[in-house]
N, C-alpha and C. Protein backbone atom coordinates (compact mmCIF):
# COMPACT_ATOMS: atom_id res chain seq x y z
N MET A 1 -18.66 14.31 52.51
CA MET A 1 -19.48 15.39 52.01
C MET A 1 -19.44 15.41 50.48
N VAL A 2 -20.59 15.54 49.84
CA VAL A 2 -20.68 15.60 48.38
C VAL A 2 -20.51 17.05 47.95
N THR A 3 -19.58 17.28 47.01
CA THR A 3 -19.38 18.62 46.48
C THR A 3 -19.98 18.70 45.10
N GLN A 4 -19.90 19.89 44.50
CA GLN A 4 -20.45 20.08 43.17
C GLN A 4 -19.81 19.14 42.16
N GLN A 5 -18.56 18.75 42.35
CA GLN A 5 -17.86 17.91 41.41
C GLN A 5 -18.04 16.42 41.69
N ASP A 6 -18.62 16.06 42.81
CA ASP A 6 -18.79 14.65 43.15
C ASP A 6 -20.08 14.11 42.55
N LEU A 7 -20.03 12.88 42.07
CA LEU A 7 -21.19 12.21 41.48
C LEU A 7 -21.46 10.95 42.28
N PRO A 8 -22.58 10.85 42.95
CA PRO A 8 -22.90 9.62 43.68
C PRO A 8 -23.11 8.45 42.70
N VAL A 9 -22.39 7.37 42.90
CA VAL A 9 -22.51 6.16 42.07
C VAL A 9 -22.68 4.98 43.00
N GLN A 10 -23.75 4.22 42.81
CA GLN A 10 -23.98 3.03 43.62
C GLN A 10 -23.10 1.90 43.11
N ILE A 11 -22.40 1.22 44.03
CA ILE A 11 -21.62 0.04 43.65
C ILE A 11 -22.06 -1.14 44.49
N LEU A 12 -21.96 -2.30 43.89
CA LEU A 12 -22.26 -3.56 44.57
C LEU A 12 -20.97 -4.35 44.60
N MET A 13 -20.47 -4.64 45.80
CA MET A 13 -19.27 -5.45 45.93
C MET A 13 -19.68 -6.91 45.86
N LEU A 14 -19.30 -7.57 44.78
CA LEU A 14 -19.63 -8.98 44.57
C LEU A 14 -18.67 -9.88 45.34
N ASP A 15 -17.59 -9.29 45.84
CA ASP A 15 -16.58 -10.02 46.60
C ASP A 15 -16.20 -9.14 47.79
N ASP A 16 -16.68 -9.50 48.97
CA ASP A 16 -16.45 -8.69 50.17
C ASP A 16 -14.99 -8.63 50.59
N GLY A 17 -14.17 -9.51 50.05
CA GLY A 17 -12.76 -9.53 50.41
C GLY A 17 -11.91 -8.53 49.65
N LEU A 18 -12.51 -7.81 48.72
CA LEU A 18 -11.77 -6.83 47.92
C LEU A 18 -12.12 -5.41 48.36
N GLU A 19 -11.17 -4.50 48.13
CA GLU A 19 -11.44 -3.09 48.39
C GLU A 19 -12.29 -2.54 47.25
N PRO A 20 -13.23 -1.64 47.55
CA PRO A 20 -14.01 -1.02 46.48
C PRO A 20 -13.14 -0.09 45.65
N PRO A 21 -13.60 0.27 44.45
CA PRO A 21 -12.84 1.23 43.65
C PRO A 21 -12.57 2.49 44.46
N ALA A 22 -11.36 3.02 44.31
CA ALA A 22 -10.99 4.21 45.07
C ALA A 22 -9.96 5.01 44.29
N TYR A 23 -9.95 6.31 44.54
CA TYR A 23 -8.95 7.20 43.95
C TYR A 23 -7.72 7.17 44.84
N ALA A 24 -6.55 7.00 44.24
CA ALA A 24 -5.31 6.91 45.02
C ALA A 24 -4.97 8.24 45.67
N THR A 25 -5.16 9.34 44.95
CA THR A 25 -4.88 10.66 45.49
C THR A 25 -5.98 11.63 45.09
N ASP A 26 -6.12 12.69 45.85
CA ASP A 26 -7.12 13.70 45.58
C ASP A 26 -6.88 14.30 44.20
N GLY A 27 -7.92 14.39 43.41
CA GLY A 27 -7.80 14.96 42.08
C GLY A 27 -7.56 13.96 40.98
N ASP A 28 -7.34 12.68 41.31
CA ASP A 28 -7.16 11.65 40.28
C ASP A 28 -8.42 11.53 39.43
N ALA A 29 -8.24 11.26 38.15
CA ALA A 29 -9.37 11.07 37.24
C ALA A 29 -9.91 9.65 37.33
N GLY A 30 -9.03 8.69 37.58
CA GLY A 30 -9.43 7.28 37.57
C GLY A 30 -9.39 6.65 38.95
N ALA A 31 -10.42 5.86 39.24
CA ALA A 31 -10.46 5.08 40.48
C ALA A 31 -9.90 3.69 40.18
N ASP A 32 -9.08 3.17 41.07
CA ASP A 32 -8.44 1.88 40.83
C ASP A 32 -9.43 0.73 40.92
N LEU A 33 -9.34 -0.18 39.94
CA LEU A 33 -10.06 -1.45 39.96
C LEU A 33 -9.04 -2.54 40.27
N ARG A 34 -9.47 -3.56 41.00
CA ARG A 34 -8.57 -4.64 41.43
C ARG A 34 -9.00 -5.98 40.85
N THR A 35 -8.04 -6.88 40.73
CA THR A 35 -8.37 -8.22 40.26
C THR A 35 -8.96 -9.04 41.41
N ALA A 36 -10.00 -9.80 41.09
CA ALA A 36 -10.64 -10.66 42.08
C ALA A 36 -9.98 -12.03 42.14
N VAL A 37 -9.06 -12.31 41.22
CA VAL A 37 -8.42 -13.63 41.14
C VAL A 37 -6.93 -13.46 40.87
N ASP A 38 -6.16 -14.51 41.17
CA ASP A 38 -4.77 -14.57 40.76
C ASP A 38 -4.74 -14.86 39.26
N VAL A 39 -3.83 -14.18 38.55
CA VAL A 39 -3.75 -14.34 37.09
C VAL A 39 -2.29 -14.39 36.68
N VAL A 40 -1.96 -15.30 35.76
CA VAL A 40 -0.66 -15.30 35.10
C VAL A 40 -0.92 -15.13 33.62
N LEU A 41 -0.38 -14.04 33.06
CA LEU A 41 -0.51 -13.78 31.63
C LEU A 41 0.84 -14.04 30.98
N GLU A 42 0.93 -15.10 30.22
CA GLU A 42 2.16 -15.41 29.50
C GLU A 42 2.38 -14.36 28.41
N PRO A 43 3.60 -14.27 27.85
CA PRO A 43 3.85 -13.29 26.80
C PRO A 43 2.82 -13.43 25.67
N GLY A 44 2.23 -12.30 25.30
CA GLY A 44 1.25 -12.27 24.21
C GLY A 44 -0.14 -12.76 24.59
N ALA A 45 -0.33 -13.21 25.82
CA ALA A 45 -1.62 -13.78 26.23
C ALA A 45 -2.56 -12.68 26.71
N ARG A 46 -3.85 -12.99 26.65
CA ARG A 46 -4.87 -12.09 27.18
C ARG A 46 -5.80 -12.88 28.08
N ALA A 47 -6.47 -12.15 28.98
CA ALA A 47 -7.40 -12.79 29.92
C ALA A 47 -8.48 -11.79 30.30
N LEU A 48 -9.69 -12.31 30.45
CA LEU A 48 -10.81 -11.51 30.94
C LEU A 48 -10.82 -11.64 32.46
N VAL A 49 -10.48 -10.57 33.15
CA VAL A 49 -10.22 -10.60 34.59
C VAL A 49 -11.38 -9.94 35.36
N PRO A 50 -12.01 -10.69 36.28
CA PRO A 50 -13.10 -10.12 37.07
C PRO A 50 -12.58 -9.16 38.13
N THR A 51 -13.41 -8.16 38.47
CA THR A 51 -13.02 -7.18 39.49
C THR A 51 -13.83 -7.29 40.77
N GLY A 52 -14.90 -8.08 40.76
CA GLY A 52 -15.74 -8.20 41.95
C GLY A 52 -16.61 -6.97 42.20
N VAL A 53 -16.78 -6.13 41.17
CA VAL A 53 -17.53 -4.89 41.32
C VAL A 53 -18.60 -4.79 40.23
N ALA A 54 -19.81 -4.40 40.62
CA ALA A 54 -20.86 -4.00 39.68
C ALA A 54 -21.31 -2.61 40.12
N LEU A 55 -21.82 -1.82 39.18
CA LEU A 55 -22.24 -0.48 39.55
C LEU A 55 -23.46 -0.04 38.77
N ALA A 56 -24.08 1.02 39.24
CA ALA A 56 -25.24 1.63 38.59
C ALA A 56 -24.89 3.08 38.29
N LEU A 57 -24.54 3.34 37.05
CA LEU A 57 -24.22 4.71 36.65
C LEU A 57 -25.50 5.47 36.32
N PRO A 58 -25.54 6.75 36.63
CA PRO A 58 -26.71 7.54 36.25
C PRO A 58 -26.79 7.69 34.73
N ARG A 59 -28.01 7.85 34.22
CA ARG A 59 -28.20 8.09 32.79
C ARG A 59 -27.38 9.32 32.38
N GLY A 60 -26.76 9.24 31.22
CA GLY A 60 -25.92 10.35 30.76
C GLY A 60 -24.47 10.22 31.15
N TYR A 61 -24.11 9.09 31.77
CA TYR A 61 -22.72 8.85 32.16
C TYR A 61 -22.27 7.49 31.64
N ALA A 62 -20.97 7.34 31.47
CA ALA A 62 -20.37 6.06 31.11
C ALA A 62 -19.13 5.87 31.96
N GLY A 63 -18.76 4.62 32.17
CA GLY A 63 -17.50 4.30 32.82
C GLY A 63 -16.50 3.89 31.75
N LEU A 64 -15.33 4.48 31.77
CA LEU A 64 -14.28 4.14 30.81
C LEU A 64 -13.15 3.47 31.58
N VAL A 65 -12.80 2.25 31.18
CA VAL A 65 -11.78 1.48 31.86
C VAL A 65 -10.47 1.63 31.10
N HIS A 66 -9.50 2.25 31.76
CA HIS A 66 -8.20 2.55 31.15
C HIS A 66 -7.10 1.69 31.77
N PRO A 67 -6.01 1.45 31.00
CA PRO A 67 -4.85 0.76 31.58
C PRO A 67 -4.20 1.62 32.66
N ARG A 68 -3.50 0.97 33.56
CA ARG A 68 -2.69 1.68 34.55
C ARG A 68 -1.34 1.96 33.91
N SER A 69 -0.90 3.19 33.96
CA SER A 69 0.32 3.58 33.25
C SER A 69 1.56 2.83 33.76
N GLY A 70 1.65 2.59 35.06
CA GLY A 70 2.81 1.88 35.60
C GLY A 70 2.89 0.45 35.11
N LEU A 71 1.75 -0.24 35.07
CA LEU A 71 1.74 -1.62 34.57
C LEU A 71 2.09 -1.66 33.09
N ALA A 72 1.63 -0.67 32.34
CA ALA A 72 1.94 -0.61 30.92
C ALA A 72 3.43 -0.36 30.70
N ALA A 73 3.98 0.60 31.43
CA ALA A 73 5.38 0.97 31.24
C ALA A 73 6.34 -0.11 31.73
N ARG A 74 6.06 -0.69 32.89
CA ARG A 74 6.99 -1.66 33.48
C ARG A 74 6.81 -3.08 32.98
N HIS A 75 5.58 -3.45 32.64
CA HIS A 75 5.31 -4.85 32.31
C HIS A 75 4.66 -5.06 30.95
N GLY A 76 4.36 -4.00 30.22
CA GLY A 76 3.71 -4.15 28.91
C GLY A 76 2.26 -4.60 29.02
N LEU A 77 1.63 -4.36 30.17
CA LEU A 77 0.25 -4.80 30.37
C LEU A 77 -0.70 -3.70 29.93
N THR A 78 -1.64 -4.06 29.07
CA THR A 78 -2.61 -3.09 28.58
C THR A 78 -3.99 -3.71 28.55
N ILE A 79 -4.96 -2.95 28.11
CA ILE A 79 -6.33 -3.42 27.97
C ILE A 79 -6.63 -3.54 26.49
N VAL A 80 -7.11 -4.69 26.06
CA VAL A 80 -7.33 -4.96 24.64
C VAL A 80 -8.23 -3.92 24.02
N ASN A 81 -9.35 -3.60 24.64
CA ASN A 81 -10.32 -2.67 24.06
C ASN A 81 -10.27 -1.30 24.73
N ALA A 82 -9.06 -0.83 25.00
CA ALA A 82 -8.91 0.41 25.77
C ALA A 82 -9.42 1.62 25.00
N PRO A 83 -10.19 2.48 25.64
CA PRO A 83 -10.78 2.19 26.94
C PRO A 83 -12.00 1.29 26.80
N GLY A 84 -12.17 0.41 27.76
CA GLY A 84 -13.40 -0.38 27.82
C GLY A 84 -14.54 0.53 28.23
N THR A 85 -15.72 0.28 27.70
CA THR A 85 -16.87 1.14 27.98
C THR A 85 -17.90 0.41 28.83
N ILE A 86 -18.32 1.06 29.92
CA ILE A 86 -19.39 0.53 30.76
C ILE A 86 -20.58 1.47 30.58
N ASP A 87 -21.62 0.97 29.95
CA ASP A 87 -22.82 1.77 29.72
C ASP A 87 -23.61 1.95 31.00
N ALA A 88 -24.38 3.04 31.07
CA ALA A 88 -25.16 3.35 32.27
C ALA A 88 -26.16 2.25 32.61
N GLY A 89 -26.66 1.53 31.63
CA GLY A 89 -27.65 0.49 31.89
C GLY A 89 -27.08 -0.86 32.28
N TYR A 90 -25.75 -1.03 32.21
CA TYR A 90 -25.13 -2.32 32.53
C TYR A 90 -25.05 -2.50 34.04
N ARG A 91 -25.46 -3.66 34.51
CA ARG A 91 -25.45 -3.94 35.95
C ARG A 91 -24.61 -5.16 36.32
N GLY A 92 -23.92 -5.75 35.35
CA GLY A 92 -23.11 -6.93 35.63
C GLY A 92 -21.74 -6.57 36.19
N GLU A 93 -20.97 -7.62 36.48
CA GLU A 93 -19.63 -7.42 37.02
C GLU A 93 -18.73 -6.76 35.98
N ILE A 94 -17.94 -5.81 36.43
CA ILE A 94 -16.94 -5.19 35.56
C ILE A 94 -15.81 -6.20 35.39
N LYS A 95 -15.49 -6.50 34.15
CA LYS A 95 -14.36 -7.38 33.84
C LYS A 95 -13.43 -6.62 32.91
N VAL A 96 -12.15 -6.89 33.03
CA VAL A 96 -11.14 -6.17 32.27
C VAL A 96 -10.40 -7.16 31.38
N CYS A 97 -10.36 -6.88 30.07
CA CYS A 97 -9.68 -7.76 29.12
C CYS A 97 -8.23 -7.30 29.00
N LEU A 98 -7.36 -7.94 29.81
CA LEU A 98 -5.95 -7.58 29.87
C LEU A 98 -5.15 -8.31 28.80
N LEU A 99 -4.09 -7.65 28.32
CA LEU A 99 -3.19 -8.21 27.32
C LEU A 99 -1.75 -7.95 27.75
N ASN A 100 -0.95 -9.01 27.78
CA ASN A 100 0.48 -8.89 28.07
C ASN A 100 1.21 -8.70 26.74
N THR A 101 1.69 -7.49 26.48
CA THR A 101 2.38 -7.21 25.22
C THR A 101 3.87 -7.53 25.28
N ASP A 102 4.37 -7.90 26.46
CA ASP A 102 5.79 -8.25 26.58
C ASP A 102 6.04 -9.53 25.79
N ARG A 103 7.17 -9.57 25.08
CA ARG A 103 7.47 -10.73 24.23
C ARG A 103 8.19 -11.86 24.96
N THR A 104 8.69 -11.56 26.17
CA THR A 104 9.48 -12.60 26.86
C THR A 104 9.04 -12.90 28.28
N GLU A 105 8.45 -11.95 28.97
CA GLU A 105 8.14 -12.13 30.39
C GLU A 105 6.64 -12.28 30.65
N ALA A 106 6.31 -13.22 31.52
CA ALA A 106 4.92 -13.37 31.98
C ALA A 106 4.62 -12.26 32.99
N VAL A 107 3.35 -11.89 33.10
CA VAL A 107 2.90 -10.94 34.11
C VAL A 107 2.08 -11.71 35.13
N ARG A 108 2.47 -11.59 36.40
CA ARG A 108 1.75 -12.28 37.48
C ARG A 108 1.00 -11.25 38.32
N LEU A 109 -0.30 -11.46 38.42
CA LEU A 109 -1.14 -10.58 39.22
C LEU A 109 -1.73 -11.38 40.36
N THR A 110 -1.75 -10.79 41.53
CA THR A 110 -2.29 -11.43 42.72
C THR A 110 -3.63 -10.78 43.07
N ARG A 111 -4.56 -11.61 43.51
CA ARG A 111 -5.87 -11.11 43.93
C ARG A 111 -5.70 -9.84 44.76
N GLY A 112 -6.42 -8.80 44.41
CA GLY A 112 -6.33 -7.53 45.11
C GLY A 112 -5.42 -6.52 44.45
N ASP A 113 -4.58 -6.96 43.49
CA ASP A 113 -3.71 -6.02 42.77
C ASP A 113 -4.56 -5.05 41.95
N ARG A 114 -4.10 -3.82 41.87
CA ARG A 114 -4.76 -2.82 41.04
C ARG A 114 -4.42 -3.11 39.58
N ILE A 115 -5.45 -3.24 38.73
CA ILE A 115 -5.21 -3.66 37.35
C ILE A 115 -5.67 -2.65 36.31
N ALA A 116 -6.52 -1.71 36.68
CA ALA A 116 -7.07 -0.76 35.71
C ALA A 116 -7.61 0.45 36.45
N GLN A 117 -7.95 1.48 35.68
CA GLN A 117 -8.54 2.68 36.25
C GLN A 117 -9.92 2.91 35.65
N LEU A 118 -10.88 3.23 36.48
CA LEU A 118 -12.24 3.51 36.05
C LEU A 118 -12.47 5.02 36.08
N VAL A 119 -12.72 5.59 34.90
CA VAL A 119 -13.02 7.01 34.78
C VAL A 119 -14.51 7.15 34.47
N ILE A 120 -15.22 7.88 35.31
CA ILE A 120 -16.65 8.13 35.09
C ILE A 120 -16.75 9.45 34.33
N GLN A 121 -17.44 9.40 33.19
CA GLN A 121 -17.48 10.58 32.34
C GLN A 121 -18.89 10.84 31.82
N ARG A 122 -19.25 12.10 31.77
CA ARG A 122 -20.53 12.49 31.19
C ARG A 122 -20.44 12.27 29.68
N VAL A 123 -21.51 11.74 29.10
CA VAL A 123 -21.54 11.49 27.66
C VAL A 123 -22.82 12.08 27.06
N GLU A 124 -22.70 12.55 25.86
CA GLU A 124 -23.85 13.08 25.13
C GLU A 124 -24.52 11.95 24.37
N HIS A 125 -25.80 12.06 24.20
CA HIS A 125 -26.55 11.08 23.41
C HIS A 125 -26.90 11.76 22.10
N ALA A 126 -26.31 11.29 21.00
CA ALA A 126 -26.47 11.92 19.69
C ALA A 126 -27.80 11.57 19.05
N VAL A 127 -28.29 12.50 18.26
CA VAL A 127 -29.42 12.24 17.38
C VAL A 127 -28.84 12.30 15.97
N PHE A 128 -28.74 11.15 15.31
CA PHE A 128 -28.10 11.08 14.00
C PHE A 128 -29.05 11.52 12.90
N ALA A 129 -28.55 12.34 11.98
CA ALA A 129 -29.35 12.82 10.85
C ALA A 129 -28.64 12.41 9.56
N VAL A 130 -29.28 11.59 8.76
CA VAL A 130 -28.71 11.16 7.48
C VAL A 130 -28.81 12.33 6.50
N VAL A 131 -27.68 12.67 5.85
CA VAL A 131 -27.64 13.77 4.89
C VAL A 131 -27.06 13.27 3.58
N ASP A 132 -27.22 14.06 2.52
CA ASP A 132 -26.68 13.69 1.21
C ASP A 132 -25.19 13.98 1.10
N GLU A 133 -24.71 14.98 1.82
CA GLU A 133 -23.27 15.26 1.85
C GLU A 133 -22.94 16.01 3.13
N LEU A 134 -21.67 15.93 3.50
CA LEU A 134 -21.20 16.59 4.72
C LEU A 134 -20.61 17.95 4.38
N PRO A 135 -20.65 18.90 5.31
CA PRO A 135 -20.03 20.20 5.04
C PRO A 135 -18.51 20.06 4.97
N ASP A 136 -17.88 20.97 4.23
CA ASP A 136 -16.42 20.95 4.11
C ASP A 136 -15.78 21.28 5.45
N SER A 137 -14.53 20.83 5.60
CA SER A 137 -13.72 21.18 6.76
C SER A 137 -12.29 21.32 6.31
N VAL A 138 -11.45 21.90 7.15
CA VAL A 138 -10.04 22.06 6.81
C VAL A 138 -9.39 20.70 6.61
N ARG A 139 -9.72 19.76 7.45
CA ARG A 139 -9.10 18.43 7.38
C ARG A 139 -9.66 17.59 6.24
N GLY A 140 -10.92 17.72 5.94
CA GLY A 140 -11.52 16.93 4.88
C GLY A 140 -11.58 15.46 5.24
N THR A 141 -11.21 14.59 4.31
CA THR A 141 -11.30 13.15 4.54
C THR A 141 -9.98 12.53 4.97
N GLY A 142 -8.96 13.35 5.20
CA GLY A 142 -7.66 12.82 5.62
C GLY A 142 -7.75 12.18 7.00
N GLY A 143 -7.12 11.03 7.15
CA GLY A 143 -7.14 10.32 8.43
C GLY A 143 -5.87 9.51 8.62
N PHE A 144 -5.77 8.83 9.74
CA PHE A 144 -4.66 7.92 10.05
C PHE A 144 -3.30 8.55 9.77
N GLY A 145 -3.01 9.63 10.46
CA GLY A 145 -1.70 10.26 10.35
C GLY A 145 -1.63 11.37 9.32
N SER A 146 -2.75 11.73 8.69
CA SER A 146 -2.71 12.72 7.62
C SER A 146 -2.28 14.10 8.12
N THR A 147 -2.49 14.43 9.38
CA THR A 147 -2.09 15.74 9.88
C THR A 147 -0.69 15.72 10.48
N GLY A 148 -0.08 14.53 10.59
CA GLY A 148 1.23 14.43 11.22
C GLY A 148 2.36 14.12 10.26
N GLY A 149 2.09 14.10 8.96
CA GLY A 149 3.14 13.85 7.98
C GLY A 149 3.55 12.40 7.85
N PHE A 150 2.69 11.48 8.23
CA PHE A 150 3.02 10.06 8.14
C PHE A 150 2.43 9.49 6.86
N GLY A 151 2.98 9.91 5.71
CA GLY A 151 2.45 9.49 4.42
C GLY A 151 2.49 7.99 4.21
N ALA A 152 3.41 7.29 4.88
CA ALA A 152 3.51 5.84 4.71
C ALA A 152 2.25 5.12 5.16
N LEU A 153 1.46 5.75 6.04
CA LEU A 153 0.24 5.11 6.50
C LEU A 153 -0.79 4.99 5.39
N ASP A 154 -0.71 5.88 4.38
CA ASP A 154 -1.65 5.84 3.26
C ASP A 154 -1.10 5.02 2.09
N ALA A 155 0.17 4.64 2.15
CA ALA A 155 0.79 3.91 1.05
C ALA A 155 0.37 2.45 1.06
N THR A 156 0.33 1.87 -0.13
CA THR A 156 0.04 0.44 -0.26
C THR A 156 1.34 -0.33 -0.06
N PRO A 157 1.27 -1.64 0.21
CA PRO A 157 2.51 -2.43 0.33
C PRO A 157 3.38 -2.33 -0.92
N ALA A 158 2.77 -2.27 -2.11
CA ALA A 158 3.54 -2.14 -3.35
C ALA A 158 4.28 -0.80 -3.39
N ASP A 159 3.62 0.28 -2.94
CA ASP A 159 4.26 1.59 -2.89
C ASP A 159 5.49 1.55 -1.98
N LEU A 160 5.36 0.90 -0.84
CA LEU A 160 6.46 0.83 0.12
C LEU A 160 7.63 0.02 -0.44
N ARG A 161 7.33 -1.09 -1.13
CA ARG A 161 8.40 -1.90 -1.73
C ARG A 161 9.12 -1.10 -2.81
N SER A 162 8.38 -0.36 -3.62
CA SER A 162 8.96 0.44 -4.69
C SER A 162 9.86 1.53 -4.12
N ALA A 163 9.41 2.19 -3.05
CA ALA A 163 10.20 3.25 -2.43
C ALA A 163 11.48 2.70 -1.82
N ALA A 164 11.45 1.43 -1.39
CA ALA A 164 12.62 0.81 -0.77
C ALA A 164 13.54 0.20 -1.83
N GLY A 165 13.16 0.31 -3.09
CA GLY A 165 13.99 -0.23 -4.15
C GLY A 165 13.74 -1.69 -4.43
N GLY A 166 12.60 -2.22 -3.92
CA GLY A 166 12.32 -3.65 -4.06
C GLY A 166 11.32 -4.00 -5.04
């Protein structure tokens, strides 16, 4: 039964031997995506991994592909462009660009393993207006740690050497 919170999304299984994307538990934000192939990612290596799934998202929605927290915590496996973005007009196979951040251990994935989470999210389509200046804000132009007290992020390498006595 479709409820007010459910969004019908058409999927095409390009590999009948795989399970379609599914939510592990009721209320989960992300549906699990699985690898269509066996993969070995050596330390520091990355691979573009097929999922055997294509979909048709309604206009005004995007699919965001996020890392699985357990794989990240236990094996250092992440997604290079996290989150990966699937536009509503894309109809090709979803592929996930995985990266093994572990410095010593390879990550072995077997066909059918859950490798990422797909979050379907409503997105706004902006109308950009070029202006001569932007309105003031409390934050202003501060970025990259400016609100968290990480002044070293704004320092140059020479500033850091000087502060260290070098």
